[in-house]
């Protein structure tokens, strides 16, 4: 894993920008990402993707998660290709960055799989 550390200086700023761009709520959804996170419906995971915190979330929340995760995966693939690294490395770094940037009161998934309110 240590061979990827030099990429951290390049990938981390790209991921921060990516998460900011992909995280913006879409006008087409009844609920935006920021609001879904504030309501405790959606949380960040160590794998770089969103997931519903609550069982059986509303359809608009499921659609929001699916849309943002698809966009994130596309961007992660681009970053991995540009930097000559694996998708898994980019996803893991993106997840770590997203969890670190999650404000207090919102949910993140622990490495053990439990949802934790920061």
N, C-alpha and C. Protein backbone atom coordinates (compact mmCIF):
# COMPACT_ATOMS: atom_id res chain seq x y z
N UNK A 1 0.83 -1.19 0.00
CA UNK A 1 0.00 0.00 0.00
C UNK A 1 0.87 1.25 0.00
N UNK A 2 2.07 1.17 0.52
CA UNK A 2 2.93 2.34 0.63
C UNK A 2 3.29 2.92 -0.73
N UNK A 3 3.22 2.12 -1.80
CA UNK A 3 3.55 2.64 -3.11
C UNK A 3 2.53 3.68 -3.59
N UNK A 4 1.38 3.77 -2.94
CA UNK A 4 0.34 4.72 -3.34
C UNK A 4 0.46 6.06 -2.63
N UNK A 5 1.28 6.14 -1.59
CA UNK A 5 1.38 7.38 -0.83
C UNK A 5 1.80 8.57 -1.67
N UNK A 6 2.74 8.42 -2.66
CA UNK A 6 3.08 9.57 -3.48
C UNK A 6 1.88 10.12 -4.25
N UNK A 7 0.93 9.27 -4.57
CA UNK A 7 -0.25 9.72 -5.30
C UNK A 7 -1.19 10.54 -4.42
N UNK A 8 -1.08 10.36 -3.12
CA UNK A 8 -1.99 11.06 -2.20
C UNK A 8 -1.95 12.56 -2.42
N UNK A 9 -0.76 13.11 -2.66
CA UNK A 9 -0.64 14.55 -2.89
C UNK A 9 -1.34 15.00 -4.14
N UNK A 10 -1.48 14.12 -5.11
CA UNK A 10 -2.15 14.45 -6.36
C UNK A 10 -3.63 14.13 -6.28
N UNK A 11 -3.94 12.97 -5.73
CA UNK A 11 -5.32 12.51 -5.73
C UNK A 11 -6.18 13.25 -4.72
N UNK A 12 -5.66 13.55 -3.54
CA UNK A 12 -6.47 14.17 -2.49
C UNK A 12 -7.12 15.48 -2.94
N UNK A 13 -6.39 16.43 -3.56
CA UNK A 13 -7.06 17.65 -4.01
C UNK A 13 -8.10 17.38 -5.09
N UNK A 14 -7.82 16.43 -5.98
CA UNK A 14 -8.79 16.09 -7.01
C UNK A 14 -10.05 15.51 -6.39
N UNK A 15 -9.88 14.67 -5.38
CA UNK A 15 -11.04 14.07 -4.72
C UNK A 15 -11.85 15.11 -3.96
N UNK A 16 -11.19 16.05 -3.33
CA UNK A 16 -11.91 17.11 -2.62
C UNK A 16 -12.78 17.89 -3.59
N UNK A 17 -12.21 18.22 -4.75
CA UNK A 17 -12.98 18.93 -5.78
C UNK A 17 -14.11 18.05 -6.28
N UNK A 18 -13.81 16.80 -6.54
CA UNK A 18 -14.80 15.86 -7.02
C UNK A 18 -15.98 15.73 -6.05
N UNK A 19 -15.67 15.54 -4.78
CA UNK A 19 -16.74 15.39 -3.79
C UNK A 19 -17.58 16.66 -3.70
N UNK A 20 -16.94 17.80 -3.83
CA UNK A 20 -17.70 19.05 -3.80
C UNK A 20 -18.64 19.14 -5.00
N UNK A 21 -18.13 18.75 -6.18
CA UNK A 21 -18.95 18.84 -7.39
C UNK A 21 -20.08 17.82 -7.37
N UNK A 22 -19.77 16.58 -7.05
CA UNK A 22 -20.75 15.51 -7.09
C UNK A 22 -21.73 15.63 -5.93
N UNK A 23 -21.32 16.23 -4.87
CA UNK A 23 -22.17 16.34 -3.69
C UNK A 23 -23.24 17.41 -3.76
N UNK A 24 -23.14 18.30 -4.74
CA UNK A 24 -24.16 19.34 -4.83
C UNK A 24 -25.50 18.72 -5.11
N UNK A 25 -26.54 19.18 -4.43
CA UNK A 25 -27.86 18.61 -4.65
C UNK A 25 -28.37 18.95 -6.04
N UNK A 26 -29.07 18.02 -6.60
CA UNK A 26 -29.64 18.20 -7.93
C UNK A 26 -31.01 18.87 -7.81
N UNK A 27 -31.30 19.73 -8.74
CA UNK A 27 -32.59 20.43 -8.75
C UNK A 27 -33.75 19.46 -8.98
N UNK A 28 -33.47 18.31 -9.62
CA UNK A 28 -34.54 17.40 -9.98
C UNK A 28 -35.02 16.54 -8.81
N UNK A 29 -34.31 16.51 -7.71
CA UNK A 29 -34.71 15.67 -6.60
C UNK A 29 -35.58 16.45 -5.62
N UNK A 30 -36.52 15.75 -5.02
CA UNK A 30 -37.38 16.38 -4.03
C UNK A 30 -36.57 16.76 -2.79
N UNK A 31 -35.48 16.05 -2.56
CA UNK A 31 -34.61 16.34 -1.43
C UNK A 31 -33.18 16.37 -1.96
N UNK A 32 -32.40 17.31 -1.46
CA UNK A 32 -31.01 17.41 -1.86
C UNK A 32 -30.13 16.62 -0.92
N UNK A 33 -28.89 16.42 -1.34
CA UNK A 33 -27.96 15.63 -0.53
C UNK A 33 -27.72 16.26 0.83
N UNK A 34 -27.48 17.56 0.87
CA UNK A 34 -27.23 18.21 2.16
C UNK A 34 -28.39 18.02 3.12
N UNK A 35 -29.61 18.16 2.61
CA UNK A 35 -30.78 18.00 3.47
C UNK A 35 -30.95 16.55 3.90
N UNK A 36 -30.71 15.62 2.99
CA UNK A 36 -30.82 14.20 3.33
C UNK A 36 -29.81 13.83 4.41
N UNK A 37 -28.62 14.40 4.32
CA UNK A 37 -27.61 14.14 5.36
C UNK A 37 -28.02 14.78 6.68
N UNK A 38 -28.51 16.01 6.63
CA UNK A 38 -28.95 16.70 7.87
C UNK A 38 -30.08 15.95 8.56
N UNK A 39 -30.95 15.34 7.75
CA UNK A 39 -32.08 14.59 8.32
C UNK A 39 -31.68 13.19 8.79
N UNK A 40 -30.43 12.82 8.56
CA UNK A 40 -29.97 11.50 8.99
C UNK A 40 -30.44 10.37 8.10
N UNK A 41 -30.78 10.68 6.86
CA UNK A 41 -31.26 9.66 5.93
C UNK A 41 -30.12 9.02 5.14
N UNK A 42 -29.04 9.78 4.94
CA UNK A 42 -27.93 9.36 4.08
C UNK A 42 -26.62 9.58 4.82
N UNK A 43 -25.67 8.67 4.61
CA UNK A 43 -24.37 8.81 5.24
C UNK A 43 -23.25 8.42 4.30
N UNK A 44 -22.05 8.84 4.67
CA UNK A 44 -20.84 8.54 3.89
C UNK A 44 -20.25 7.22 4.39
N UNK A 45 -19.66 6.48 3.47
CA UNK A 45 -19.06 5.19 3.79
C UNK A 45 -17.56 5.20 3.48
N UNK A 46 -16.81 4.29 4.10
CA UNK A 46 -15.37 4.22 3.84
C UNK A 46 -15.02 3.88 2.39
N UNK A 47 -15.96 3.33 1.64
CA UNK A 47 -15.69 2.96 0.25
C UNK A 47 -15.90 4.11 -0.73
N UNK A 48 -16.22 5.32 -0.22
CA UNK A 48 -16.37 6.49 -1.09
C UNK A 48 -17.77 6.70 -1.64
N UNK A 49 -18.70 5.90 -1.21
CA UNK A 49 -20.06 6.00 -1.73
C UNK A 49 -21.05 6.30 -0.60
N UNK A 50 -22.21 6.78 -0.99
CA UNK A 50 -23.29 7.07 -0.06
C UNK A 50 -24.13 5.82 0.15
N UNK A 51 -24.82 5.80 1.28
CA UNK A 51 -25.80 4.75 1.52
C UNK A 51 -26.87 5.31 2.45
N UNK A 52 -28.05 4.72 2.34
CA UNK A 52 -29.14 5.11 3.24
C UNK A 52 -28.81 4.64 4.64
N UNK A 53 -29.02 5.51 5.60
CA UNK A 53 -28.79 5.18 7.01
C UNK A 53 -30.02 4.46 7.57
N UNK A 54 -31.17 4.85 7.09
CA UNK A 54 -32.43 4.30 7.58
C UNK A 54 -32.88 3.15 6.69
N UNK A 55 -33.55 2.17 7.27
CA UNK A 55 -34.10 1.11 6.42
C UNK A 55 -35.28 1.67 5.62
N UNK A 56 -35.43 1.21 4.42
CA UNK A 56 -36.55 1.61 3.56
C UNK A 56 -36.67 3.13 3.40
N UNK A 57 -35.64 3.79 2.88
CA UNK A 57 -35.73 5.24 2.69
C UNK A 57 -36.74 5.58 1.59
N UNK A 58 -37.24 6.80 1.58
CA UNK A 58 -38.18 7.21 0.53
C UNK A 58 -37.55 7.05 -0.86
N UNK A 59 -38.39 6.92 -1.85
CA UNK A 59 -37.94 6.71 -3.23
C UNK A 59 -37.03 7.83 -3.71
N UNK A 60 -37.32 9.08 -3.34
CA UNK A 60 -36.48 10.18 -3.81
C UNK A 60 -35.08 10.11 -3.20
N UNK A 61 -34.98 9.60 -1.98
CA UNK A 61 -33.66 9.44 -1.33
C UNK A 61 -32.90 8.31 -2.02
N UNK A 62 -33.57 7.20 -2.32
CA UNK A 62 -32.91 6.09 -3.03
C UNK A 62 -32.42 6.56 -4.40
N UNK A 63 -33.24 7.34 -5.09
CA UNK A 63 -32.85 7.84 -6.42
C UNK A 63 -31.66 8.80 -6.31
N UNK A 64 -31.67 9.65 -5.31
CA UNK A 64 -30.57 10.59 -5.08
C UNK A 64 -29.26 9.84 -4.84
N UNK A 65 -29.31 8.83 -3.98
CA UNK A 65 -28.12 8.02 -3.67
C UNK A 65 -27.61 7.34 -4.93
N UNK A 66 -28.49 6.73 -5.70
CA UNK A 66 -28.08 6.02 -6.91
C UNK A 66 -27.44 6.97 -7.91
N UNK A 67 -28.03 8.15 -8.08
CA UNK A 67 -27.50 9.12 -9.03
C UNK A 67 -26.12 9.62 -8.61
N UNK A 68 -25.99 10.00 -7.37
CA UNK A 68 -24.71 10.54 -6.90
C UNK A 68 -23.64 9.44 -6.90
N UNK A 69 -23.98 8.23 -6.49
CA UNK A 69 -23.00 7.16 -6.49
C UNK A 69 -22.53 6.82 -7.91
N UNK A 70 -23.43 6.87 -8.87
CA UNK A 70 -23.04 6.61 -10.27
C UNK A 70 -22.07 7.69 -10.75
N UNK A 71 -22.35 8.93 -10.40
CA UNK A 71 -21.46 10.04 -10.79
C UNK A 71 -20.12 9.94 -10.08
N UNK A 72 -20.15 9.57 -8.81
CA UNK A 72 -18.89 9.41 -8.08
C UNK A 72 -18.05 8.31 -8.71
N UNK A 73 -18.67 7.18 -9.01
CA UNK A 73 -17.91 6.06 -9.60
C UNK A 73 -17.26 6.50 -10.91
N UNK A 74 -18.00 7.21 -11.73
CA UNK A 74 -17.45 7.68 -13.01
C UNK A 74 -16.24 8.58 -12.76
N UNK A 75 -16.34 9.48 -11.81
CA UNK A 75 -15.23 10.39 -11.50
C UNK A 75 -14.05 9.63 -10.89
N UNK A 76 -14.34 8.68 -10.00
CA UNK A 76 -13.28 7.88 -9.39
C UNK A 76 -12.51 7.11 -10.47
N UNK A 77 -13.24 6.57 -11.43
CA UNK A 77 -12.59 5.84 -12.52
C UNK A 77 -11.67 6.77 -13.31
N UNK A 78 -12.13 7.99 -13.56
CA UNK A 78 -11.31 8.97 -14.28
C UNK A 78 -10.04 9.31 -13.49
N UNK A 79 -10.20 9.54 -12.19
CA UNK A 79 -9.04 9.87 -11.34
C UNK A 79 -8.07 8.70 -11.31
N UNK A 80 -8.58 7.48 -11.18
CA UNK A 80 -7.72 6.30 -11.15
C UNK A 80 -6.95 6.16 -12.45
N UNK A 81 -7.63 6.34 -13.55
CA UNK A 81 -6.97 6.22 -14.86
C UNK A 81 -5.91 7.30 -15.04
N UNK A 82 -6.25 8.54 -14.69
CA UNK A 82 -5.32 9.67 -14.82
C UNK A 82 -4.07 9.46 -13.99
N UNK A 83 -4.23 8.88 -12.80
CA UNK A 83 -3.12 8.71 -11.88
C UNK A 83 -2.48 7.33 -11.95
N UNK A 84 -2.97 6.48 -12.83
CA UNK A 84 -2.38 5.16 -12.98
C UNK A 84 -2.48 4.31 -11.74
N UNK A 85 -3.59 4.37 -11.07
CA UNK A 85 -3.80 3.58 -9.86
C UNK A 85 -5.12 2.83 -9.98
N UNK A 86 -5.43 2.03 -8.99
CA UNK A 86 -6.65 1.23 -9.05
C UNK A 86 -7.86 2.04 -8.57
N UNK A 87 -9.02 1.61 -9.03
CA UNK A 87 -10.27 2.21 -8.60
C UNK A 87 -10.43 2.07 -7.09
N UNK A 88 -10.05 0.93 -6.55
CA UNK A 88 -10.17 0.68 -5.11
C UNK A 88 -9.39 1.70 -4.29
N UNK A 89 -8.18 2.03 -4.74
CA UNK A 89 -7.36 3.02 -4.02
C UNK A 89 -8.07 4.37 -4.01
N UNK A 90 -8.61 4.77 -5.16
CA UNK A 90 -9.30 6.06 -5.26
C UNK A 90 -10.56 6.06 -4.40
N UNK A 91 -11.34 4.98 -4.46
CA UNK A 91 -12.56 4.88 -3.65
C UNK A 91 -12.24 4.98 -2.16
N UNK A 92 -11.21 4.29 -1.74
CA UNK A 92 -10.83 4.29 -0.32
C UNK A 92 -10.39 5.68 0.13
N UNK A 93 -9.58 6.33 -0.68
CA UNK A 93 -9.14 7.68 -0.33
C UNK A 93 -10.31 8.67 -0.34
N UNK A 94 -11.21 8.50 -1.30
CA UNK A 94 -12.39 9.37 -1.36
C UNK A 94 -13.27 9.16 -0.14
N UNK A 95 -13.44 7.90 0.27
CA UNK A 95 -14.24 7.61 1.47
C UNK A 95 -13.65 8.23 2.71
N UNK A 96 -12.33 8.11 2.85
CA UNK A 96 -11.65 8.69 4.01
C UNK A 96 -11.82 10.21 4.01
N UNK A 97 -11.65 10.83 2.85
CA UNK A 97 -11.79 12.29 2.73
C UNK A 97 -13.22 12.72 3.04
N UNK A 98 -14.21 12.01 2.50
CA UNK A 98 -15.61 12.36 2.73
C UNK A 98 -15.98 12.23 4.20
N UNK A 99 -15.51 11.17 4.84
CA UNK A 99 -15.80 10.97 6.26
C UNK A 99 -15.15 12.06 7.10
N UNK A 100 -13.91 12.41 6.77
CA UNK A 100 -13.22 13.48 7.51
C UNK A 100 -13.95 14.81 7.37
N UNK A 101 -14.53 15.06 6.21
CA UNK A 101 -15.20 16.34 5.95
C UNK A 101 -16.66 16.36 6.41
N UNK A 102 -17.17 15.23 6.84
CA UNK A 102 -18.56 15.17 7.31
C UNK A 102 -18.67 15.97 8.60
N UNK A 103 -19.61 16.92 8.63
CA UNK A 103 -19.74 17.74 9.83
C UNK A 103 -20.38 16.98 11.00
N UNK A 104 -20.17 17.48 12.20
CA UNK A 104 -20.80 16.86 13.37
C UNK A 104 -22.32 16.80 13.20
N UNK A 105 -22.90 15.73 13.70
CA UNK A 105 -24.35 15.56 13.63
C UNK A 105 -24.80 14.73 12.44
N UNK A 106 -23.89 14.47 11.49
CA UNK A 106 -24.24 13.65 10.34
C UNK A 106 -23.64 12.26 10.49
N UNK A 107 -24.14 11.31 9.70
CA UNK A 107 -23.74 9.92 9.85
C UNK A 107 -22.61 9.50 8.91
N UNK A 108 -21.75 8.65 9.47
CA UNK A 108 -20.70 8.00 8.70
C UNK A 108 -20.70 6.52 9.11
N UNK A 109 -20.28 5.70 8.18
CA UNK A 109 -20.21 4.26 8.49
C UNK A 109 -18.81 3.94 8.97
N UNK A 110 -18.74 3.26 10.09
CA UNK A 110 -17.44 2.87 10.65
C UNK A 110 -16.89 1.69 9.85
N UNK A 111 -15.59 1.43 9.98
CA UNK A 111 -15.02 0.26 9.29
C UNK A 111 -15.70 -1.05 9.70
N UNK A 112 -16.28 -1.09 10.89
CA UNK A 112 -16.98 -2.31 11.33
C UNK A 112 -18.37 -2.42 10.73
N UNK A 113 -18.82 -1.38 10.03
CA UNK A 113 -20.13 -1.43 9.37
C UNK A 113 -21.26 -0.75 10.11
N UNK A 114 -20.99 -0.18 11.27
CA UNK A 114 -22.03 0.50 12.06
C UNK A 114 -22.13 1.96 11.63
N UNK A 115 -23.35 2.49 11.66
CA UNK A 115 -23.53 3.93 11.42
C UNK A 115 -23.26 4.67 12.71
N UNK A 116 -22.46 5.73 12.60
CA UNK A 116 -22.08 6.54 13.75
C UNK A 116 -22.40 7.99 13.44
N UNK A 117 -23.01 8.65 14.40
CA UNK A 117 -23.27 10.09 14.26
C UNK A 117 -22.03 10.83 14.72
N UNK A 118 -21.45 11.62 13.84
CA UNK A 118 -20.24 12.36 14.20
C UNK A 118 -20.55 13.45 15.21
